[in-house]
Amino acid sequence: MDRMTRRGFALTGLAAAGMTAACGNGVGSNGANEIDARVDATLSYLYSNYPNTTDLRDKASGMLVMPVVTEAGFGVGGGYGRGALRVNDVTVDYYSATKGSVGFQIGANQYAHVLFFMTEGALTEFRHSSGWAAGAGVEYVVANDAGDLSAETTNLLAPVIAVIFGQAGLKVGATLEGIKYTRIIP
């Protein structure tokens, strides 16, 4: 029988630790089912309260649905949420949304949002990025208190349209600027 060297022992230990850590990656947990249930409820709410969003859905190549993003800040702020990417009404991946901010701010709020990828190119870029940040290429449509949600015809030409709705809380405003989306295993 061969004698194990320190290097061999260390590599075996690292491999075992890696396999043990992989067991806790969420595969087989209820995380995906919970996210999918929240996504279904969010889309049901969106379509019943803002019926013209079904036009966006029908024309989109895919949708990233974030049922709840929670933000809080007091000088320094942050936000987090989890959701699902749907293509042809089927969940293909899960994502987290994280946000950090510094500046004059106080309070907390929650909101839901859906990113409609209006072109295959925008959807492909999103899916192949290591972490995609919402920014200048996103057109925003925000639901107001009267329940109106309108997308101008010019917005429909944008590669990504963000619909923000269901705002609740004491922090003023909801924006996706600076949110980073990262693929996760729930």
N, C-alpha and C. Protein backbone atom coordinates (compact mmCIF):
# COMPACT_ATOMS: atom_id res chain seq x y z
N MET A 1 0.84 -1.16 0.00
CA MET A 1 0.00 0.00 0.00
C MET A 1 0.89 1.23 0.00
N ASP A 2 0.54 2.22 -0.83
CA ASP A 2 1.33 3.43 -0.92
C ASP A 2 1.09 4.32 0.28
N ARG A 3 2.14 5.03 0.61
CA ARG A 3 2.05 5.98 1.70
C ARG A 3 1.53 7.31 1.17
N MET A 4 0.56 7.93 1.84
CA MET A 4 0.00 9.19 1.39
C MET A 4 0.91 10.34 1.81
N THR A 5 1.20 11.22 0.86
CA THR A 5 2.03 12.40 1.16
C THR A 5 1.15 13.51 1.72
N ARG A 6 1.78 14.52 2.25
CA ARG A 6 1.02 15.66 2.76
C ARG A 6 0.21 16.33 1.65
N ARG A 7 0.84 16.45 0.47
CA ARG A 7 0.15 17.07 -0.66
C ARG A 7 -1.07 16.24 -1.06
N GLY A 8 -0.92 14.94 -1.13
CA GLY A 8 -2.03 14.05 -1.46
C GLY A 8 -3.14 14.14 -0.42
N PHE A 9 -2.74 14.18 0.85
CA PHE A 9 -3.72 14.30 1.93
C PHE A 9 -4.48 15.63 1.81
N ALA A 10 -3.75 16.73 1.54
CA ALA A 10 -4.38 18.04 1.43
C ALA A 10 -5.34 18.09 0.24
N LEU A 11 -4.93 17.53 -0.91
CA LEU A 11 -5.80 17.53 -2.08
C LEU A 11 -7.05 16.68 -1.86
N THR A 12 -6.89 15.56 -1.19
CA THR A 12 -8.04 14.71 -0.87
C THR A 12 -9.00 15.45 0.06
N GLY A 13 -8.46 16.15 1.06
CA GLY A 13 -9.28 16.93 1.98
C GLY A 13 -10.03 18.05 1.28
N LEU A 14 -9.34 18.75 0.34
CA LEU A 14 -10.00 19.82 -0.41
C LEU A 14 -11.11 19.27 -1.30
N ALA A 15 -10.86 18.15 -1.93
CA ALA A 15 -11.89 17.53 -2.78
C ALA A 15 -13.10 17.13 -1.96
N ALA A 16 -12.87 16.55 -0.79
CA ALA A 16 -13.98 16.14 0.08
C ALA A 16 -14.76 17.36 0.57
N ALA A 17 -14.05 18.42 0.91
CA ALA A 17 -14.71 19.64 1.37
C ALA A 17 -15.54 20.25 0.25
N GLY A 18 -15.01 20.22 -0.96
CA GLY A 18 -15.75 20.74 -2.11
C GLY A 18 -17.01 19.96 -2.39
N MET A 19 -16.93 18.64 -2.29
CA MET A 19 -18.12 17.82 -2.51
C MET A 19 -19.14 18.04 -1.41
N THR A 20 -18.70 18.22 -0.19
CA THR A 20 -19.62 18.48 0.92
C THR A 20 -20.30 19.83 0.73
N ALA A 21 -19.55 20.83 0.31
CA ALA A 21 -20.13 22.15 0.07
C ALA A 21 -21.14 22.10 -1.07
N ALA A 22 -20.88 21.30 -2.08
CA ALA A 22 -21.79 21.18 -3.21
C ALA A 22 -23.13 20.59 -2.79
N CYS A 23 -23.15 19.81 -1.75
CA CYS A 23 -24.40 19.22 -1.28
C CYS A 23 -25.35 20.27 -0.75
N GLY A 24 -24.86 21.41 -0.32
CA GLY A 24 -25.70 22.47 0.22
C GLY A 24 -26.00 23.55 -0.79
N ASN A 25 -25.95 23.25 -2.10
CA ASN A 25 -26.15 24.28 -3.11
C ASN A 25 -27.61 24.56 -3.43
N GLY A 26 -28.54 23.96 -2.75
CA GLY A 26 -29.94 24.25 -2.96
C GLY A 26 -30.64 23.28 -3.89
N VAL A 27 -29.90 22.45 -4.60
CA VAL A 27 -30.53 21.49 -5.49
C VAL A 27 -31.36 20.53 -4.65
N GLY A 28 -32.59 20.35 -5.04
CA GLY A 28 -33.47 19.47 -4.29
C GLY A 28 -34.23 20.17 -3.17
N SER A 29 -33.97 21.47 -2.96
CA SER A 29 -34.71 22.20 -1.93
C SER A 29 -36.00 22.75 -2.53
N ASN A 30 -36.84 23.36 -1.71
CA ASN A 30 -38.09 23.95 -2.18
C ASN A 30 -37.91 25.36 -2.71
N GLY A 31 -36.68 25.86 -2.75
CA GLY A 31 -36.43 27.23 -3.18
C GLY A 31 -36.99 27.53 -4.55
N ALA A 32 -36.78 26.64 -5.51
CA ALA A 32 -37.27 26.86 -6.87
C ALA A 32 -38.80 26.88 -6.90
N ASN A 33 -39.43 25.96 -6.18
CA ASN A 33 -40.90 25.92 -6.14
C ASN A 33 -41.47 27.20 -5.54
N GLU A 34 -40.83 27.70 -4.49
CA GLU A 34 -41.30 28.94 -3.86
C GLU A 34 -41.16 30.13 -4.81
N ILE A 35 -40.03 30.21 -5.49
CA ILE A 35 -39.83 31.31 -6.44
C ILE A 35 -40.85 31.22 -7.56
N ASP A 36 -41.05 30.02 -8.12
CA ASP A 36 -42.01 29.85 -9.21
C ASP A 36 -43.43 30.22 -8.77
N ALA A 37 -43.81 29.85 -7.57
CA ALA A 37 -45.15 30.20 -7.06
C ALA A 37 -45.30 31.72 -6.94
N ARG A 38 -44.27 32.38 -6.44
CA ARG A 38 -44.31 33.85 -6.32
C ARG A 38 -44.33 34.52 -7.69
N VAL A 39 -43.58 33.96 -8.64
CA VAL A 39 -43.57 34.51 -10.00
C VAL A 39 -44.96 34.36 -10.62
N ASP A 40 -45.59 33.20 -10.46
CA ASP A 40 -46.94 33.00 -11.00
C ASP A 40 -47.92 34.00 -10.41
N ALA A 41 -47.86 34.20 -9.09
CA ALA A 41 -48.76 35.15 -8.42
C ALA A 41 -48.50 36.58 -8.90
N THR A 42 -47.23 36.93 -9.08
CA THR A 42 -46.86 38.27 -9.53
C THR A 42 -47.37 38.53 -10.94
N LEU A 43 -47.20 37.56 -11.83
CA LEU A 43 -47.68 37.73 -13.20
C LEU A 43 -49.20 37.79 -13.24
N SER A 44 -49.87 37.00 -12.44
CA SER A 44 -51.33 37.05 -12.37
C SER A 44 -51.79 38.44 -11.93
N TYR A 45 -51.15 38.99 -10.91
CA TYR A 45 -51.47 40.34 -10.43
C TYR A 45 -51.20 41.37 -11.53
N LEU A 46 -50.06 41.27 -12.18
CA LEU A 46 -49.68 42.23 -13.22
C LEU A 46 -50.71 42.22 -14.35
N TYR A 47 -51.05 41.05 -14.86
CA TYR A 47 -51.95 40.96 -16.01
C TYR A 47 -53.38 41.36 -15.65
N SER A 48 -53.81 41.08 -14.42
CA SER A 48 -55.19 41.44 -14.06
C SER A 48 -55.31 42.93 -13.72
N ASN A 49 -54.28 43.55 -13.17
CA ASN A 49 -54.34 44.97 -12.83
C ASN A 49 -53.86 45.89 -13.95
N TYR A 50 -53.03 45.38 -14.82
CA TYR A 50 -52.50 46.17 -15.94
C TYR A 50 -52.60 45.33 -17.21
N PRO A 51 -53.81 45.17 -17.76
CA PRO A 51 -54.02 44.24 -18.87
C PRO A 51 -53.20 44.55 -20.12
N ASN A 52 -52.81 45.81 -20.31
CA ASN A 52 -52.02 46.12 -21.51
C ASN A 52 -50.61 45.55 -21.44
N THR A 53 -50.18 45.02 -20.30
CA THR A 53 -48.86 44.38 -20.24
C THR A 53 -48.85 43.03 -20.95
N THR A 54 -50.04 42.50 -21.25
CA THR A 54 -50.06 41.24 -22.00
C THR A 54 -49.51 41.44 -23.41
N ASP A 55 -49.63 42.68 -23.94
CA ASP A 55 -49.03 42.97 -25.25
C ASP A 55 -47.52 42.86 -25.18
N LEU A 56 -46.93 43.37 -24.07
CA LEU A 56 -45.48 43.24 -23.89
C LEU A 56 -45.10 41.77 -23.79
N ARG A 57 -45.86 41.02 -22.99
CA ARG A 57 -45.59 39.59 -22.82
C ARG A 57 -45.61 38.87 -24.17
N ASP A 58 -46.61 39.16 -24.98
CA ASP A 58 -46.77 38.46 -26.26
C ASP A 58 -45.66 38.79 -27.25
N LYS A 59 -45.08 39.98 -27.14
CA LYS A 59 -44.02 40.39 -28.07
C LYS A 59 -42.62 40.11 -27.55
N ALA A 60 -42.49 39.81 -26.26
CA ALA A 60 -41.17 39.63 -25.65
C ALA A 60 -40.57 38.27 -25.97
N SER A 61 -39.24 38.25 -26.07
CA SER A 61 -38.50 36.99 -26.25
C SER A 61 -38.36 36.25 -24.92
N GLY A 62 -38.43 36.99 -23.82
CA GLY A 62 -38.31 36.41 -22.49
C GLY A 62 -38.62 37.47 -21.45
N MET A 63 -38.85 37.02 -20.21
CA MET A 63 -39.17 37.95 -19.11
C MET A 63 -38.44 37.52 -17.86
N LEU A 64 -37.83 38.49 -17.18
CA LEU A 64 -37.27 38.24 -15.85
C LEU A 64 -38.26 38.82 -14.85
N VAL A 65 -38.82 37.97 -14.01
CA VAL A 65 -39.84 38.38 -13.05
C VAL A 65 -39.23 38.38 -11.66
N MET A 66 -39.24 39.54 -11.02
CA MET A 66 -38.75 39.69 -9.65
C MET A 66 -39.96 40.02 -8.78
N PRO A 67 -40.54 39.03 -8.09
CA PRO A 67 -41.77 39.24 -7.32
C PRO A 67 -41.63 40.28 -6.21
N VAL A 68 -40.52 40.29 -5.50
CA VAL A 68 -40.32 41.26 -4.42
C VAL A 68 -38.85 41.65 -4.37
N VAL A 69 -38.60 42.94 -4.47
CA VAL A 69 -37.27 43.48 -4.20
C VAL A 69 -37.44 44.38 -2.98
N THR A 70 -36.66 44.13 -1.96
CA THR A 70 -36.73 44.92 -0.74
C THR A 70 -35.51 45.81 -0.67
N GLU A 71 -35.74 47.11 -0.46
CA GLU A 71 -34.66 48.09 -0.31
C GLU A 71 -34.78 48.78 1.03
N ALA A 72 -33.65 49.10 1.61
CA ALA A 72 -33.62 49.87 2.85
C ALA A 72 -32.37 50.74 2.83
N GLY A 73 -32.47 51.90 3.45
CA GLY A 73 -31.31 52.77 3.48
C GLY A 73 -31.40 53.84 4.53
N PHE A 74 -30.26 54.15 5.06
CA PHE A 74 -30.08 55.29 5.96
C PHE A 74 -28.69 55.82 5.67
N GLY A 75 -28.57 56.67 4.67
CA GLY A 75 -27.27 57.12 4.20
C GLY A 75 -26.67 56.11 3.24
N VAL A 76 -26.48 54.89 3.70
CA VAL A 76 -26.02 53.79 2.87
C VAL A 76 -27.20 52.83 2.75
N GLY A 77 -27.45 52.36 1.55
CA GLY A 77 -28.61 51.49 1.35
C GLY A 77 -28.28 50.27 0.53
N GLY A 78 -29.22 49.37 0.51
CA GLY A 78 -29.06 48.16 -0.28
C GLY A 78 -30.41 47.55 -0.55
N GLY A 79 -30.42 46.60 -1.47
CA GLY A 79 -31.65 45.91 -1.82
C GLY A 79 -31.36 44.51 -2.31
N TYR A 80 -32.37 43.64 -2.21
CA TYR A 80 -32.19 42.25 -2.64
C TYR A 80 -33.54 41.65 -3.01
N GLY A 81 -33.53 40.76 -3.99
CA GLY A 81 -34.71 40.01 -4.38
C GLY A 81 -34.30 38.80 -5.20
N ARG A 82 -35.22 37.86 -5.35
CA ARG A 82 -34.97 36.66 -6.17
C ARG A 82 -36.14 36.47 -7.13
N GLY A 83 -35.84 35.97 -8.32
CA GLY A 83 -36.89 35.77 -9.31
C GLY A 83 -36.49 34.74 -10.34
N ALA A 84 -37.30 34.68 -11.41
CA ALA A 84 -37.10 33.65 -12.43
C ALA A 84 -37.13 34.27 -13.82
N LEU A 85 -36.33 33.70 -14.70
CA LEU A 85 -36.33 34.07 -16.11
C LEU A 85 -37.23 33.08 -16.83
N ARG A 86 -38.21 33.61 -17.53
CA ARG A 86 -39.15 32.76 -18.27
C ARG A 86 -39.02 33.03 -19.76
N VAL A 87 -38.95 31.94 -20.52
CA VAL A 87 -38.93 31.99 -21.97
C VAL A 87 -40.05 31.07 -22.43
N ASN A 88 -40.95 31.59 -23.25
CA ASN A 88 -42.14 30.84 -23.69
C ASN A 88 -42.93 30.31 -22.49
N ASP A 89 -43.06 31.13 -21.47
CA ASP A 89 -43.82 30.84 -20.25
C ASP A 89 -43.26 29.65 -19.45
N VAL A 90 -41.99 29.34 -19.64
CA VAL A 90 -41.32 28.27 -18.90
C VAL A 90 -40.11 28.85 -18.19
N THR A 91 -39.94 28.53 -16.91
CA THR A 91 -38.77 29.00 -16.16
C THR A 91 -37.53 28.29 -16.69
N VAL A 92 -36.53 29.09 -17.09
CA VAL A 92 -35.28 28.52 -17.61
C VAL A 92 -34.10 28.76 -16.67
N ASP A 93 -34.17 29.79 -15.81
CA ASP A 93 -33.10 30.10 -14.86
C ASP A 93 -33.68 30.91 -13.70
N TYR A 94 -32.91 30.96 -12.62
CA TYR A 94 -33.27 31.76 -11.45
C TYR A 94 -32.19 32.81 -11.24
N TYR A 95 -32.61 34.00 -10.79
CA TYR A 95 -31.69 35.11 -10.62
C TYR A 95 -31.92 35.82 -9.29
N SER A 96 -30.85 36.43 -8.80
CA SER A 96 -30.98 37.35 -7.67
C SER A 96 -30.74 38.75 -8.20
N ALA A 97 -31.31 39.72 -7.52
CA ALA A 97 -31.10 41.13 -7.84
C ALA A 97 -30.52 41.78 -6.60
N THR A 98 -29.36 42.41 -6.73
CA THR A 98 -28.75 43.11 -5.60
C THR A 98 -28.48 44.55 -6.00
N LYS A 99 -28.57 45.42 -5.00
CA LYS A 99 -28.41 46.84 -5.26
C LYS A 99 -27.74 47.49 -4.06
N GLY A 100 -26.84 48.39 -4.30
CA GLY A 100 -26.21 49.17 -3.23
C GLY A 100 -26.26 50.64 -3.60
N SER A 101 -26.36 51.50 -2.61
CA SER A 101 -26.41 52.93 -2.88
C SER A 101 -25.88 53.71 -1.70
N VAL A 102 -25.38 54.90 -1.99
CA VAL A 102 -24.88 55.81 -0.97
C VAL A 102 -25.43 57.18 -1.32
N GLY A 103 -25.88 57.91 -0.32
CA GLY A 103 -26.39 59.25 -0.56
C GLY A 103 -27.50 59.58 0.42
N PHE A 104 -28.19 60.68 0.15
CA PHE A 104 -29.27 61.11 1.03
C PHE A 104 -30.46 60.17 0.85
N GLN A 105 -30.68 59.31 1.80
CA GLN A 105 -31.79 58.37 1.75
C GLN A 105 -32.12 57.89 3.15
N ILE A 106 -33.38 57.62 3.35
CA ILE A 106 -33.83 57.06 4.61
C ILE A 106 -35.14 56.33 4.34
N GLY A 107 -35.28 55.15 4.91
CA GLY A 107 -36.53 54.41 4.77
C GLY A 107 -36.33 53.05 4.15
N ALA A 108 -37.47 52.43 3.85
CA ALA A 108 -37.46 51.10 3.24
C ALA A 108 -38.67 50.98 2.33
N ASN A 109 -38.55 50.18 1.30
CA ASN A 109 -39.69 49.90 0.44
C ASN A 109 -39.53 48.55 -0.23
N GLN A 110 -40.64 48.11 -0.79
CA GLN A 110 -40.65 46.87 -1.57
C GLN A 110 -41.41 47.14 -2.85
N TYR A 111 -41.04 46.44 -3.89
CA TYR A 111 -41.74 46.56 -5.16
C TYR A 111 -41.45 45.31 -5.98
N ALA A 112 -42.27 45.11 -6.99
CA ALA A 112 -42.06 44.03 -7.94
C ALA A 112 -41.67 44.65 -9.27
N HIS A 113 -40.96 43.91 -10.07
CA HIS A 113 -40.69 44.38 -11.42
C HIS A 113 -40.49 43.21 -12.36
N VAL A 114 -40.75 43.51 -13.62
CA VAL A 114 -40.57 42.53 -14.69
C VAL A 114 -39.75 43.20 -15.78
N LEU A 115 -38.70 42.52 -16.20
CA LEU A 115 -37.93 42.97 -17.36
C LEU A 115 -38.42 42.20 -18.57
N PHE A 116 -38.93 42.90 -19.55
CA PHE A 116 -39.36 42.28 -20.80
C PHE A 116 -38.23 42.43 -21.80
N PHE A 117 -37.66 41.33 -22.24
CA PHE A 117 -36.60 41.34 -23.25
C PHE A 117 -37.29 41.30 -24.61
N MET A 118 -37.27 42.43 -25.31
CA MET A 118 -38.05 42.57 -26.53
C MET A 118 -37.34 42.05 -27.77
N THR A 119 -36.05 41.74 -27.65
CA THR A 119 -35.31 41.18 -28.78
C THR A 119 -34.54 39.93 -28.32
N GLU A 120 -34.32 39.05 -29.26
CA GLU A 120 -33.51 37.86 -28.96
C GLU A 120 -32.10 38.25 -28.54
N GLY A 121 -31.57 39.30 -29.18
CA GLY A 121 -30.22 39.76 -28.84
C GLY A 121 -30.11 40.22 -27.40
N ALA A 122 -31.10 40.96 -26.92
CA ALA A 122 -31.08 41.43 -25.52
C ALA A 122 -31.18 40.26 -24.56
N LEU A 123 -32.03 39.28 -24.89
CA LEU A 123 -32.18 38.09 -24.04
C LEU A 123 -30.90 37.27 -24.03
N THR A 124 -30.29 37.09 -25.18
CA THR A 124 -29.04 36.33 -25.27
C THR A 124 -27.93 37.02 -24.49
N GLU A 125 -27.82 38.34 -24.63
CA GLU A 125 -26.79 39.09 -23.89
C GLU A 125 -26.99 38.93 -22.38
N PHE A 126 -28.23 39.01 -21.93
CA PHE A 126 -28.53 38.85 -20.51
C PHE A 126 -28.15 37.46 -20.03
N ARG A 127 -28.52 36.43 -20.77
CA ARG A 127 -28.29 35.05 -20.34
C ARG A 127 -26.81 34.67 -20.36
N HIS A 128 -26.03 35.29 -21.22
CA HIS A 128 -24.62 34.93 -21.32
C HIS A 128 -23.69 35.83 -20.52
N SER A 129 -24.24 36.80 -19.82
CA SER A 129 -23.39 37.68 -19.02
C SER A 129 -23.15 37.05 -17.66
N SER A 130 -22.00 37.38 -17.06
CA SER A 130 -21.69 36.83 -15.74
C SER A 130 -22.42 37.59 -14.64
N GLY A 131 -22.94 38.73 -14.95
CA GLY A 131 -23.71 39.55 -14.02
C GLY A 131 -24.17 40.77 -14.79
N TRP A 132 -25.45 40.93 -14.99
CA TRP A 132 -25.99 41.97 -15.85
C TRP A 132 -26.53 43.10 -14.99
N ALA A 133 -26.20 44.33 -15.31
CA ALA A 133 -26.66 45.48 -14.53
C ALA A 133 -27.64 46.29 -15.35
N ALA A 134 -28.77 46.63 -14.74
CA ALA A 134 -29.76 47.48 -15.39
C ALA A 134 -29.16 48.87 -15.51
N GLY A 135 -29.34 49.48 -16.67
CA GLY A 135 -28.75 50.80 -16.86
C GLY A 135 -29.42 51.57 -17.97
N ALA A 136 -28.61 52.25 -18.75
CA ALA A 136 -29.11 53.18 -19.75
C ALA A 136 -29.92 52.52 -20.85
N GLY A 137 -29.71 51.24 -21.15
CA GLY A 137 -30.43 50.60 -22.24
C GLY A 137 -31.82 50.12 -21.87
N VAL A 138 -32.27 50.41 -20.66
CA VAL A 138 -33.56 49.93 -20.19
C VAL A 138 -34.57 51.06 -20.21
N GLU A 139 -35.73 50.84 -20.83
CA GLU A 139 -36.84 51.80 -20.80
C GLU A 139 -37.72 51.44 -19.62
N TYR A 140 -38.14 52.44 -18.84
CA TYR A 140 -38.93 52.20 -17.63
C TYR A 140 -40.39 52.57 -17.83
N VAL A 141 -41.26 51.72 -17.32
CA VAL A 141 -42.68 51.97 -17.27
C VAL A 141 -43.07 51.74 -15.82
N VAL A 142 -43.58 52.78 -15.16
CA VAL A 142 -43.90 52.67 -13.74
C VAL A 142 -45.40 52.82 -13.56
N ALA A 143 -45.99 51.93 -12.77
CA ALA A 143 -47.42 52.01 -12.47
C ALA A 143 -47.65 53.12 -11.46
N ASN A 144 -48.65 53.95 -11.72
CA ASN A 144 -48.95 55.03 -10.77
C ASN A 144 -50.10 54.64 -9.85
N ASP A 145 -50.45 55.52 -8.93
CA ASP A 145 -51.48 55.23 -7.94
C ASP A 145 -52.85 55.01 -8.56
N ALA A 146 -53.12 55.59 -9.71
CA ALA A 146 -54.42 55.44 -10.36
C ALA A 146 -54.55 54.10 -11.07
N GLY A 147 -53.48 53.33 -11.09
CA GLY A 147 -53.54 52.02 -11.73
C GLY A 147 -53.22 52.05 -13.20
N ASP A 148 -52.82 53.22 -13.70
CA ASP A 148 -52.46 53.30 -15.11
C ASP A 148 -51.04 52.80 -15.31
N LEU A 149 -50.84 52.12 -16.40
CA LEU A 149 -49.50 51.69 -16.77
C LEU A 149 -49.46 51.77 -18.27
N SER A 150 -48.71 52.73 -18.78
CA SER A 150 -48.71 52.90 -20.22
C SER A 150 -47.30 52.77 -20.75
N ALA A 151 -47.22 52.11 -21.88
CA ALA A 151 -45.96 52.02 -22.60
C ALA A 151 -46.16 52.74 -23.93
N GLU A 152 -45.38 53.78 -24.14
CA GLU A 152 -45.49 54.50 -25.39
C GLU A 152 -44.96 53.63 -26.52
N THR A 153 -45.42 53.93 -27.71
CA THR A 153 -45.00 53.15 -28.87
C THR A 153 -43.49 53.16 -29.02
N THR A 154 -42.84 54.27 -28.68
CA THR A 154 -41.39 54.35 -28.81
C THR A 154 -40.71 53.39 -27.83
N ASN A 155 -41.33 53.16 -26.67
CA ASN A 155 -40.75 52.23 -25.71
C ASN A 155 -40.74 50.80 -26.24
N LEU A 156 -41.73 50.47 -27.06
CA LEU A 156 -41.80 49.10 -27.58
C LEU A 156 -40.64 48.76 -28.50
N LEU A 157 -39.91 49.78 -28.94
CA LEU A 157 -38.74 49.56 -29.79
C LEU A 157 -37.48 49.32 -28.96
N ALA A 158 -37.55 49.54 -27.66
CA ALA A 158 -36.40 49.35 -26.78
C ALA A 158 -36.10 47.86 -26.64
N PRO A 159 -34.82 47.50 -26.47
CA PRO A 159 -34.48 46.08 -26.33
C PRO A 159 -34.94 45.48 -25.00
N VAL A 160 -35.02 46.30 -23.93
CA VAL A 160 -35.48 45.84 -22.63
C VAL A 160 -36.43 46.88 -22.05
N ILE A 161 -37.59 46.42 -21.63
CA ILE A 161 -38.57 47.31 -20.98
C ILE A 161 -38.79 46.80 -19.57
N ALA A 162 -38.63 47.70 -18.60
CA ALA A 162 -38.82 47.36 -17.19
C ALA A 162 -40.15 47.92 -16.72
N VAL A 163 -40.98 47.05 -16.15
CA VAL A 163 -42.24 47.47 -15.57
C VAL A 163 -42.11 47.34 -14.06
N ILE A 164 -42.27 48.45 -13.35
CA ILE A 164 -42.15 48.48 -11.89
C ILE A 164 -43.55 48.72 -11.32
N PHE A 165 -43.96 47.89 -10.36
CA PHE A 165 -45.31 48.02 -9.82
C PHE A 165 -45.36 47.46 -8.39
N GLY A 166 -46.48 47.70 -7.73
CA GLY A 166 -46.68 47.16 -6.38
C GLY A 166 -45.80 47.80 -5.32
N GLN A 167 -45.45 49.07 -5.49
CA GLN A 167 -44.58 49.73 -4.52
C GLN A 167 -45.28 49.88 -3.17
N ALA A 168 -44.55 49.58 -2.12
CA ALA A 168 -45.06 49.76 -0.76
C ALA A 168 -43.90 50.11 0.15
N GLY A 169 -44.12 51.04 1.05
CA GLY A 169 -43.08 51.38 2.00
C GLY A 169 -42.93 52.87 2.19
N LEU A 170 -41.90 53.24 2.93
CA LEU A 170 -41.70 54.63 3.30
C LEU A 170 -40.54 55.30 2.58
N LYS A 171 -39.86 54.60 1.71
CA LYS A 171 -38.74 55.17 0.96
C LYS A 171 -39.28 55.70 -0.36
N VAL A 172 -38.86 56.90 -0.71
CA VAL A 172 -39.39 57.52 -1.92
C VAL A 172 -38.69 56.95 -3.14
N GLY A 173 -39.49 56.56 -4.12
CA GLY A 173 -38.97 56.15 -5.41
C GLY A 173 -38.58 54.68 -5.49
N ALA A 174 -38.65 54.17 -6.67
CA ALA A 174 -38.18 52.82 -6.98
C ALA A 174 -37.54 52.88 -8.35
N THR A 175 -36.30 52.49 -8.43
CA THR A 175 -35.59 52.51 -9.69
C THR A 175 -34.74 51.25 -9.80
N LEU A 176 -34.48 50.85 -11.01
CA LEU A 176 -33.64 49.67 -11.23
C LEU A 176 -32.21 50.05 -11.56
N GLU A 177 -31.92 51.34 -11.61
CA GLU A 177 -30.56 51.78 -11.89
C GLU A 177 -29.61 51.18 -10.86
N GLY A 178 -28.58 50.54 -11.33
CA GLY A 178 -27.58 49.99 -10.42
C GLY A 178 -27.90 48.62 -9.87
N ILE A 179 -29.02 48.02 -10.25
CA ILE A 179 -29.31 46.65 -9.80
C ILE A 179 -28.51 45.69 -10.66
N LYS A 180 -27.89 44.73 -9.99
CA LYS A 180 -27.13 43.70 -10.70
C LYS A 180 -27.86 42.37 -10.56
N TYR A 181 -28.05 41.72 -11.68
CA TYR A 181 -28.73 40.42 -11.72
C TYR A 181 -27.69 39.31 -11.90
N THR A 182 -27.79 38.29 -11.06
CA THR A 182 -26.84 37.19 -11.09
C THR A 182 -27.60 35.86 -11.04
N ARG A 183 -27.21 34.93 -11.88
CA ARG A 183 -27.84 33.61 -11.91
C ARG A 183 -27.56 32.89 -10.60
N ILE A 184 -28.60 32.24 -10.05
CA ILE A 184 -28.48 31.52 -8.78
C ILE A 184 -29.04 30.12 -8.91
N ILE A 185 -28.71 29.28 -7.93
CA ILE A 185 -29.35 27.98 -7.75
C ILE A 185 -30.15 28.09 -6.46
N PRO A 186 -31.49 28.15 -6.57
CA PRO A 186 -32.31 28.35 -5.35
C PRO A 186 -32.33 27.14 -4.44
